Amino acid sequence: MSFEFWFATIILPGIVCCMAWGAVLLNEWHYRRQDARARSGELNRPLGPEDTTLVSKATLRAAAHLGLPDPVLATILGLSASGVEQARESQTPLIQDWLTLERAAPLLRLSRALDQGLGGDAEAVESWIRSHNTAFDERPINILQTAGGPQRVLDHVQGLLGSSCSV
C-alpha cells in the first residue's frame, strides 16, 4: 500500500483526533483552574475604586453597543437584573470583583471586534446579535446567556474576521 493511502486513512485522522482531544483537555483544564480560583476566593477579591468605575462604564457602554437589555447583561455577568438597572441609573460601579470582571472581559472584546468588523455601524451590530446564526443554529444573544457563551461568540467573530481583528 502506498504512503498516500496510509497518510489519508491512518495518520491524518490520528492527528485530527489528537488535536481535538487536546482542545477538549485544554478547555477542561481552563474551567477547572477557573473553578479552583473561585473556590480559593481569589476571584472574589474586590477591585480598586478607579478600576470598578472604569470597567463598569466600559461594560455598560459595550452592552448598549451590542443592544443587550439589562436582564441579558445581568445573566451574562451573574448579577441580578435590578442590580444592573440600579447601577445604570445611579452611576454606581457594576463590576466589584475579579469574577465579574472575567465574565465581562469577553463582552468588551466582542463589542470591539464587532465594531471593527462591521465598520462601526451600531445598527448592524445589534442586528447581527439578534439574528439567527447558522454557525450556532441560534441567535448570538441567546448564546451569550449560556456558560462560556460570550467567549464562544467572541471566538466565532474573531474567526470570521481573521487577522483583521486585533482585540
N, C-alpha and C. Protein backbone atom coordinates (compact mmCIF):
# COMPACT_ATOMS: atom_id res chain seq x y z
N MET A 1 0.83 -1.18 0.00
CA MET A 1 0.00 0.00 0.00
C MET A 1 0.88 1.25 0.00
N SER A 2 0.37 2.29 -0.63
CA SER A 2 1.16 3.49 -0.80
C SER A 2 1.15 4.37 0.45
N PHE A 3 2.09 5.28 0.48
CA PHE A 3 2.17 6.23 1.58
C PHE A 3 0.92 7.10 1.64
N GLU A 4 0.40 7.51 0.48
CA GLU A 4 -0.80 8.34 0.44
C GLU A 4 -1.98 7.65 1.10
N PHE A 5 -2.09 6.33 0.87
CA PHE A 5 -3.18 5.57 1.48
C PHE A 5 -3.05 5.59 3.00
N TRP A 6 -1.86 5.28 3.51
CA TRP A 6 -1.64 5.27 4.95
C TRP A 6 -1.84 6.65 5.55
N PHE A 7 -1.35 7.64 4.85
CA PHE A 7 -1.49 9.00 5.36
C PHE A 7 -2.96 9.40 5.44
N ALA A 8 -3.72 9.12 4.39
CA ALA A 8 -5.13 9.53 4.33
C ALA A 8 -6.01 8.72 5.26
N THR A 9 -5.71 7.46 5.49
CA THR A 9 -6.61 6.61 6.28
C THR A 9 -6.19 6.44 7.73
N ILE A 10 -4.90 6.55 8.04
CA ILE A 10 -4.45 6.29 9.40
C ILE A 10 -3.84 7.54 10.05
N ILE A 11 -2.85 8.11 9.42
CA ILE A 11 -2.07 9.18 10.04
C ILE A 11 -2.87 10.46 10.19
N LEU A 12 -3.49 10.95 9.13
CA LEU A 12 -4.23 12.21 9.19
C LEU A 12 -5.40 12.15 10.17
N PRO A 13 -6.24 11.10 10.14
CA PRO A 13 -7.31 11.04 11.15
C PRO A 13 -6.76 10.97 12.58
N GLY A 14 -5.62 10.31 12.75
CA GLY A 14 -5.00 10.25 14.08
C GLY A 14 -4.57 11.62 14.56
N ILE A 15 -3.98 12.40 13.67
CA ILE A 15 -3.56 13.75 14.02
C ILE A 15 -4.77 14.61 14.38
N VAL A 16 -5.82 14.54 13.57
CA VAL A 16 -7.04 15.32 13.83
C VAL A 16 -7.64 14.92 15.17
N CYS A 17 -7.68 13.64 15.45
CA CYS A 17 -8.24 13.15 16.72
C CYS A 17 -7.42 13.67 17.90
N CYS A 18 -6.11 13.62 17.79
CA CYS A 18 -5.25 14.12 18.87
C CYS A 18 -5.44 15.61 19.09
N MET A 19 -5.58 16.36 18.02
CA MET A 19 -5.79 17.80 18.15
C MET A 19 -7.13 18.09 18.81
N ALA A 20 -8.16 17.34 18.45
CA ALA A 20 -9.48 17.54 19.05
C ALA A 20 -9.44 17.23 20.54
N TRP A 21 -8.81 16.12 20.91
CA TRP A 21 -8.71 15.77 22.33
C TRP A 21 -7.86 16.78 23.08
N GLY A 22 -6.84 17.30 22.43
CA GLY A 22 -6.02 18.34 23.06
C GLY A 22 -6.84 19.58 23.38
N ALA A 23 -7.70 19.97 22.45
CA ALA A 23 -8.57 21.13 22.68
C ALA A 23 -9.55 20.86 23.81
N VAL A 24 -10.09 19.66 23.85
CA VAL A 24 -11.03 19.29 24.93
C VAL A 24 -10.33 19.33 26.27
N LEU A 25 -9.14 18.76 26.35
CA LEU A 25 -8.40 18.74 27.61
C LEU A 25 -7.98 20.13 28.05
N LEU A 26 -7.57 20.97 27.11
CA LEU A 26 -7.20 22.34 27.44
C LEU A 26 -8.40 23.11 27.97
N ASN A 27 -9.55 22.93 27.35
CA ASN A 27 -10.77 23.58 27.80
C ASN A 27 -11.14 23.11 29.21
N GLU A 28 -11.04 21.81 29.43
CA GLU A 28 -11.34 21.23 30.75
C GLU A 28 -10.39 21.80 31.80
N TRP A 29 -9.10 21.88 31.46
CA TRP A 29 -8.12 22.43 32.38
C TRP A 29 -8.47 23.88 32.72
N HIS A 30 -8.86 24.68 31.72
CA HIS A 30 -9.20 26.08 31.95
C HIS A 30 -10.36 26.21 32.93
N TYR A 31 -11.42 25.43 32.72
CA TYR A 31 -12.59 25.54 33.60
C TYR A 31 -12.28 25.04 35.00
N ARG A 32 -11.46 24.01 35.15
CA ARG A 32 -11.07 23.54 36.48
C ARG A 32 -10.22 24.59 37.20
N ARG A 33 -9.33 25.22 36.47
CA ARG A 33 -8.49 26.26 37.05
C ARG A 33 -9.35 27.44 37.51
N GLN A 34 -10.31 27.82 36.65
CA GLN A 34 -11.19 28.93 37.00
C GLN A 34 -12.04 28.57 38.22
N ASP A 35 -12.50 27.33 38.28
CA ASP A 35 -13.29 26.86 39.42
C ASP A 35 -12.46 26.88 40.70
N ALA A 36 -11.21 26.42 40.61
CA ALA A 36 -10.33 26.41 41.78
C ALA A 36 -10.06 27.84 42.26
N ARG A 37 -9.86 28.74 41.33
CA ARG A 37 -9.64 30.13 41.70
C ARG A 37 -10.86 30.72 42.38
N ALA A 38 -12.04 30.36 41.90
CA ALA A 38 -13.28 30.87 42.50
C ALA A 38 -13.43 30.34 43.93
N ARG A 39 -13.12 29.05 44.13
CA ARG A 39 -13.24 28.46 45.47
C ARG A 39 -12.21 29.03 46.44
N SER A 40 -11.04 29.39 45.95
CA SER A 40 -9.99 29.91 46.83
C SER A 40 -10.28 31.34 47.27
N GLY A 41 -11.25 31.96 46.64
CA GLY A 41 -11.59 33.34 46.99
C GLY A 41 -10.81 34.36 46.19
N GLU A 42 -9.89 33.90 45.34
CA GLU A 42 -9.07 34.81 44.55
C GLU A 42 -9.92 35.69 43.64
N LEU A 43 -10.97 35.10 43.08
CA LEU A 43 -11.81 35.86 42.15
C LEU A 43 -12.80 36.76 42.87
N ASN A 44 -12.95 36.59 44.17
CA ASN A 44 -13.89 37.42 44.91
C ASN A 44 -13.22 38.62 45.55
N ARG A 45 -11.91 38.77 45.31
CA ARG A 45 -11.21 39.95 45.80
C ARG A 45 -11.80 41.19 45.16
N PRO A 46 -12.01 42.23 45.94
CA PRO A 46 -12.56 43.46 45.34
C PRO A 46 -11.53 44.15 44.46
N LEU A 47 -12.05 44.87 43.48
CA LEU A 47 -11.22 45.70 42.62
C LEU A 47 -11.04 47.06 43.28
N GLY A 48 -10.07 47.82 42.84
CA GLY A 48 -9.89 49.18 43.34
C GLY A 48 -11.01 50.08 42.85
N PRO A 49 -11.27 51.20 43.53
CA PRO A 49 -12.39 52.08 43.15
C PRO A 49 -12.28 52.65 41.74
N GLU A 50 -11.06 52.99 41.32
CA GLU A 50 -10.90 53.52 39.96
C GLU A 50 -11.18 52.44 38.93
N ASP A 51 -10.71 51.22 39.23
CA ASP A 51 -10.91 50.10 38.31
C ASP A 51 -12.40 49.76 38.16
N THR A 52 -13.12 49.75 39.29
CA THR A 52 -14.54 49.39 39.22
C THR A 52 -15.31 50.40 38.38
N THR A 53 -15.00 51.67 38.56
CA THR A 53 -15.70 52.71 37.79
C THR A 53 -15.39 52.58 36.31
N LEU A 54 -14.12 52.44 35.97
CA LEU A 54 -13.71 52.36 34.58
C LEU A 54 -14.30 51.14 33.87
N VAL A 55 -14.17 49.98 34.48
CA VAL A 55 -14.64 48.74 33.86
C VAL A 55 -16.17 48.72 33.81
N SER A 56 -16.82 49.25 34.82
CA SER A 56 -18.28 49.27 34.82
C SER A 56 -18.82 50.15 33.70
N LYS A 57 -18.23 51.31 33.52
CA LYS A 57 -18.67 52.19 32.43
C LYS A 57 -18.44 51.53 31.07
N ALA A 58 -17.28 50.90 30.92
CA ALA A 58 -16.97 50.24 29.65
C ALA A 58 -17.95 49.09 29.39
N THR A 59 -18.30 48.35 30.42
CA THR A 59 -19.22 47.22 30.26
C THR A 59 -20.61 47.70 29.89
N LEU A 60 -21.07 48.76 30.55
CA LEU A 60 -22.40 49.30 30.22
C LEU A 60 -22.41 49.86 28.79
N ARG A 61 -21.31 50.51 28.38
CA ARG A 61 -21.22 51.01 27.01
C ARG A 61 -21.22 49.87 26.00
N ALA A 62 -20.48 48.80 26.30
CA ALA A 62 -20.43 47.64 25.40
C ALA A 62 -21.81 46.99 25.29
N ALA A 63 -22.50 46.86 26.41
CA ALA A 63 -23.84 46.27 26.39
C ALA A 63 -24.80 47.13 25.57
N ALA A 64 -24.69 48.43 25.70
CA ALA A 64 -25.54 49.33 24.91
C ALA A 64 -25.19 49.21 23.43
N HIS A 65 -23.91 49.12 23.12
CA HIS A 65 -23.46 48.99 21.73
C HIS A 65 -23.97 47.70 21.11
N LEU A 66 -23.99 46.63 21.91
CA LEU A 66 -24.48 45.34 21.42
C LEU A 66 -26.00 45.23 21.45
N GLY A 67 -26.66 46.20 22.07
CA GLY A 67 -28.12 46.19 22.15
C GLY A 67 -28.63 45.18 23.17
N LEU A 68 -27.87 44.95 24.24
CA LEU A 68 -28.28 43.98 25.25
C LEU A 68 -29.12 44.66 26.32
N PRO A 69 -30.31 44.15 26.58
CA PRO A 69 -31.12 44.71 27.67
C PRO A 69 -30.51 44.33 29.03
N ASP A 70 -30.91 45.04 30.07
CA ASP A 70 -30.36 44.81 31.41
C ASP A 70 -30.48 43.37 31.89
N PRO A 71 -31.63 42.68 31.70
CA PRO A 71 -31.71 41.29 32.17
C PRO A 71 -30.70 40.36 31.47
N VAL A 72 -30.42 40.61 30.21
CA VAL A 72 -29.44 39.79 29.48
C VAL A 72 -28.04 40.07 30.03
N LEU A 73 -27.71 41.34 30.23
CA LEU A 73 -26.41 41.70 30.78
C LEU A 73 -26.25 41.09 32.18
N ALA A 74 -27.31 41.13 32.96
CA ALA A 74 -27.27 40.56 34.31
C ALA A 74 -26.98 39.06 34.25
N THR A 75 -27.60 38.36 33.33
CA THR A 75 -27.37 36.92 33.18
C THR A 75 -25.92 36.64 32.80
N ILE A 76 -25.38 37.41 31.88
CA ILE A 76 -24.00 37.23 31.43
C ILE A 76 -23.03 37.46 32.58
N LEU A 77 -23.27 38.49 33.38
CA LEU A 77 -22.35 38.84 34.47
C LEU A 77 -22.61 38.07 35.76
N GLY A 78 -23.73 37.36 35.83
CA GLY A 78 -24.07 36.63 37.04
C GLY A 78 -24.57 37.54 38.14
N LEU A 79 -25.21 38.63 37.76
CA LEU A 79 -25.76 39.59 38.71
C LEU A 79 -27.27 39.61 38.60
N SER A 80 -27.92 40.35 39.48
CA SER A 80 -29.37 40.49 39.39
C SER A 80 -29.71 41.59 38.38
N ALA A 81 -30.86 41.45 37.74
CA ALA A 81 -31.30 42.45 36.76
C ALA A 81 -31.53 43.80 37.44
N SER A 82 -32.05 43.77 38.65
CA SER A 82 -32.28 45.03 39.37
C SER A 82 -30.96 45.70 39.73
N GLY A 83 -29.93 44.90 40.02
CA GLY A 83 -28.61 45.46 40.31
C GLY A 83 -28.01 46.16 39.12
N VAL A 84 -28.18 45.57 37.92
CA VAL A 84 -27.68 46.19 36.70
C VAL A 84 -28.44 47.48 36.42
N GLU A 85 -29.75 47.44 36.57
CA GLU A 85 -30.58 48.62 36.33
C GLU A 85 -30.22 49.74 37.30
N GLN A 86 -30.03 49.36 38.56
CA GLN A 86 -29.67 50.34 39.59
C GLN A 86 -28.30 50.95 39.30
N ALA A 87 -27.35 50.13 38.87
CA ALA A 87 -26.01 50.64 38.54
C ALA A 87 -26.07 51.60 37.36
N ARG A 88 -26.91 51.30 36.40
CA ARG A 88 -27.04 52.17 35.22
C ARG A 88 -27.65 53.52 35.61
N GLU A 89 -28.65 53.50 36.47
CA GLU A 89 -29.35 54.73 36.84
C GLU A 89 -28.56 55.59 37.82
N SER A 90 -27.90 54.95 38.80
CA SER A 90 -27.24 55.72 39.85
C SER A 90 -25.75 55.92 39.63
N GLN A 91 -25.23 55.40 38.52
CA GLN A 91 -23.81 55.51 38.19
C GLN A 91 -22.90 54.85 39.23
N THR A 92 -23.46 53.89 40.00
CA THR A 92 -22.61 53.11 40.92
C THR A 92 -21.91 52.02 40.12
N PRO A 93 -20.72 51.62 40.54
CA PRO A 93 -19.99 50.59 39.80
C PRO A 93 -20.75 49.27 39.73
N LEU A 94 -20.79 48.74 38.54
CA LEU A 94 -21.47 47.47 38.29
C LEU A 94 -20.57 46.29 38.62
N ILE A 95 -19.31 46.42 38.31
CA ILE A 95 -18.35 45.33 38.48
C ILE A 95 -17.52 45.62 39.73
N GLN A 96 -17.63 44.71 40.71
CA GLN A 96 -16.98 44.92 42.00
C GLN A 96 -15.82 43.97 42.26
N ASP A 97 -15.80 42.80 41.59
CA ASP A 97 -14.78 41.79 41.90
C ASP A 97 -14.20 41.20 40.61
N TRP A 98 -13.17 40.38 40.79
CA TRP A 98 -12.46 39.81 39.64
C TRP A 98 -13.31 38.83 38.86
N LEU A 99 -14.19 38.11 39.54
CA LEU A 99 -15.03 37.12 38.86
C LEU A 99 -15.95 37.81 37.86
N THR A 100 -16.59 38.88 38.29
CA THR A 100 -17.48 39.62 37.40
C THR A 100 -16.68 40.26 36.26
N LEU A 101 -15.47 40.70 36.57
CA LEU A 101 -14.61 41.28 35.54
C LEU A 101 -14.25 40.22 34.49
N GLU A 102 -13.96 39.00 34.93
CA GLU A 102 -13.65 37.92 33.98
C GLU A 102 -14.85 37.59 33.10
N ARG A 103 -16.04 37.72 33.65
CA ARG A 103 -17.25 37.46 32.85
C ARG A 103 -17.50 38.59 31.87
N ALA A 104 -17.09 39.81 32.23
CA ALA A 104 -17.32 40.98 31.36
C ALA A 104 -16.28 41.10 30.26
N ALA A 105 -15.09 40.59 30.47
CA ALA A 105 -13.99 40.78 29.50
C ALA A 105 -14.34 40.31 28.09
N PRO A 106 -14.89 39.09 27.90
CA PRO A 106 -15.22 38.69 26.52
C PRO A 106 -16.29 39.58 25.90
N LEU A 107 -17.18 40.11 26.71
CA LEU A 107 -18.23 41.00 26.21
C LEU A 107 -17.61 42.30 25.69
N LEU A 108 -16.64 42.83 26.43
CA LEU A 108 -15.95 44.05 25.99
C LEU A 108 -15.20 43.80 24.69
N ARG A 109 -14.52 42.69 24.60
CA ARG A 109 -13.77 42.35 23.40
C ARG A 109 -14.70 42.07 22.22
N LEU A 110 -15.86 41.45 22.49
CA LEU A 110 -16.84 41.18 21.43
C LEU A 110 -17.37 42.48 20.85
N SER A 111 -17.67 43.44 21.72
CA SER A 111 -18.17 44.73 21.25
C SER A 111 -17.15 45.40 20.34
N ARG A 112 -15.90 45.36 20.74
CA ARG A 112 -14.85 45.98 19.93
C ARG A 112 -14.66 45.25 18.61
N ALA A 113 -14.67 43.91 18.66
CA ALA A 113 -14.47 43.12 17.44
C ALA A 113 -15.60 43.37 16.44
N LEU A 114 -16.84 43.38 16.92
CA LEU A 114 -17.97 43.63 16.02
C LEU A 114 -17.94 45.06 15.48
N ASP A 115 -17.52 45.99 16.32
CA ASP A 115 -17.40 47.37 15.86
C ASP A 115 -16.39 47.47 14.73
N GLN A 116 -15.26 46.81 14.88
CA GLN A 116 -14.24 46.82 13.83
C GLN A 116 -14.73 46.07 12.59
N GLY A 117 -15.33 44.92 12.81
CA GLY A 117 -15.75 44.08 11.69
C GLY A 117 -16.89 44.64 10.88
N LEU A 118 -17.77 45.40 11.53
CA LEU A 118 -18.93 45.94 10.82
C LEU A 118 -18.80 47.44 10.57
N GLY A 119 -17.61 47.94 10.69
CA GLY A 119 -17.34 49.33 10.33
C GLY A 119 -17.98 50.36 11.23
N GLY A 120 -18.22 50.03 12.48
CA GLY A 120 -18.78 50.99 13.42
C GLY A 120 -20.27 51.21 13.29
N ASP A 121 -20.95 50.39 12.50
CA ASP A 121 -22.40 50.53 12.30
C ASP A 121 -23.14 49.87 13.46
N ALA A 122 -23.67 50.68 14.39
CA ALA A 122 -24.33 50.17 15.59
C ALA A 122 -25.57 49.35 15.25
N GLU A 123 -26.30 49.76 14.23
CA GLU A 123 -27.50 49.01 13.84
C GLU A 123 -27.13 47.63 13.30
N ALA A 124 -26.04 47.54 12.56
CA ALA A 124 -25.60 46.26 12.03
C ALA A 124 -25.15 45.33 13.15
N VAL A 125 -24.49 45.90 14.16
CA VAL A 125 -24.05 45.10 15.31
C VAL A 125 -25.25 44.51 16.04
N GLU A 126 -26.21 45.37 16.34
CA GLU A 126 -27.41 44.91 17.05
C GLU A 126 -28.20 43.91 16.21
N SER A 127 -28.27 44.13 14.91
CA SER A 127 -28.95 43.19 14.02
C SER A 127 -28.26 41.84 14.02
N TRP A 128 -26.92 41.83 13.99
CA TRP A 128 -26.17 40.58 13.99
C TRP A 128 -26.40 39.80 15.29
N ILE A 129 -26.41 40.52 16.40
CA ILE A 129 -26.60 39.89 17.72
C ILE A 129 -27.98 39.24 17.81
N ARG A 130 -28.99 39.86 17.20
CA ARG A 130 -30.37 39.38 17.35
C ARG A 130 -30.83 38.44 16.23
N SER A 131 -30.04 38.31 15.17
CA SER A 131 -30.43 37.47 14.03
C SER A 131 -29.97 36.03 14.22
N HIS A 132 -30.70 35.12 13.59
CA HIS A 132 -30.33 33.71 13.64
C HIS A 132 -28.98 33.50 12.97
N ASN A 133 -28.12 32.75 13.61
CA ASN A 133 -26.78 32.49 13.09
C ASN A 133 -26.65 31.00 12.82
N THR A 134 -26.33 30.64 11.61
CA THR A 134 -26.25 29.21 11.26
C THR A 134 -25.09 28.51 11.94
N ALA A 135 -24.02 29.23 12.28
CA ALA A 135 -22.89 28.61 12.97
C ALA A 135 -23.29 28.12 14.35
N PHE A 136 -24.19 28.83 15.02
CA PHE A 136 -24.67 28.44 16.35
C PHE A 136 -26.00 27.71 16.28
N ASP A 137 -26.68 27.82 15.15
CA ASP A 137 -28.05 27.34 14.99
C ASP A 137 -28.96 28.01 16.02
N GLU A 138 -28.64 29.25 16.31
CA GLU A 138 -29.38 30.03 17.29
C GLU A 138 -28.97 31.49 17.14
N ARG A 139 -29.64 32.37 17.86
CA ARG A 139 -29.27 33.78 17.84
C ARG A 139 -28.10 34.01 18.80
N PRO A 140 -27.12 34.81 18.43
CA PRO A 140 -25.99 35.07 19.33
C PRO A 140 -26.40 35.62 20.69
N ILE A 141 -27.49 36.40 20.74
CA ILE A 141 -27.92 36.94 22.04
C ILE A 141 -28.31 35.80 23.00
N ASN A 142 -28.82 34.70 22.46
CA ASN A 142 -29.14 33.55 23.31
C ASN A 142 -27.89 32.81 23.75
N ILE A 143 -26.92 32.70 22.86
CA ILE A 143 -25.66 32.04 23.18
C ILE A 143 -24.91 32.82 24.26
N LEU A 144 -24.97 34.15 24.19
CA LEU A 144 -24.27 34.98 25.18
C LEU A 144 -24.73 34.69 26.60
N GLN A 145 -25.95 34.22 26.77
CA GLN A 145 -26.50 34.00 28.10
C GLN A 145 -26.19 32.61 28.66
N THR A 146 -25.42 31.82 27.94
CA THR A 146 -25.05 30.49 28.42
C THR A 146 -23.66 30.54 29.05
N ALA A 147 -23.32 29.50 29.80
CA ALA A 147 -21.98 29.43 30.39
C ALA A 147 -20.94 29.34 29.28
N GLY A 148 -20.00 30.23 29.30
CA GLY A 148 -18.97 30.26 28.26
C GLY A 148 -19.45 30.85 26.95
N GLY A 149 -20.69 31.31 26.90
CA GLY A 149 -21.27 31.85 25.67
C GLY A 149 -20.57 33.08 25.11
N PRO A 150 -20.26 34.09 25.96
CA PRO A 150 -19.57 35.27 25.43
C PRO A 150 -18.23 34.92 24.76
N GLN A 151 -17.49 34.01 25.37
CA GLN A 151 -16.20 33.62 24.77
C GLN A 151 -16.43 32.85 23.47
N ARG A 152 -17.46 32.03 23.44
CA ARG A 152 -17.78 31.26 22.23
C ARG A 152 -18.15 32.18 21.07
N VAL A 153 -18.97 33.19 21.35
CA VAL A 153 -19.36 34.14 20.31
C VAL A 153 -18.15 34.97 19.88
N LEU A 154 -17.33 35.38 20.85
CA LEU A 154 -16.12 36.13 20.53
C LEU A 154 -15.19 35.32 19.64
N ASP A 155 -14.98 34.06 19.97
CA ASP A 155 -14.12 33.20 19.16
C ASP A 155 -14.65 33.08 17.73
N HIS A 156 -15.97 32.97 17.60
CA HIS A 156 -16.59 32.87 16.28
C HIS A 156 -16.34 34.16 15.47
N VAL A 157 -16.57 35.30 16.10
CA VAL A 157 -16.39 36.58 15.41
C VAL A 157 -14.92 36.77 15.02
N GLN A 158 -14.02 36.45 15.93
CA GLN A 158 -12.60 36.58 15.62
C GLN A 158 -12.20 35.62 14.49
N GLY A 159 -12.81 34.45 14.47
CA GLY A 159 -12.54 33.51 13.39
C GLY A 159 -13.03 34.05 12.05
N LEU A 160 -14.17 34.70 12.06
CA LEU A 160 -14.69 35.29 10.82
C LEU A 160 -13.83 36.45 10.33
N LEU A 161 -13.37 37.25 11.28
CA LEU A 161 -12.60 38.44 10.92
C LEU A 161 -11.14 38.11 10.63
N GLY A 162 -10.67 37.01 11.17
CA GLY A 162 -9.28 36.59 10.93
C GLY A 162 -8.29 37.58 11.51
N SER A 163 -7.25 37.83 10.80
CA SER A 163 -6.18 38.68 11.29
C SER A 163 -6.55 40.15 11.29
N SER A 164 -7.66 40.52 10.69
CA SER A 164 -8.04 41.94 10.66
C SER A 164 -8.55 42.41 12.02
N CYS A 165 -8.81 41.47 12.92
CA CYS A 165 -9.36 41.82 14.23
C CYS A 165 -8.26 41.70 15.27
N SER A 166 -7.88 42.82 15.87
CA SER A 166 -6.82 42.79 16.89
C SER A 166 -7.37 43.28 18.21
N VAL A 167 -8.20 42.45 18.85
CA VAL A 167 -8.74 42.81 20.16
C VAL A 167 -8.09 42.01 21.23
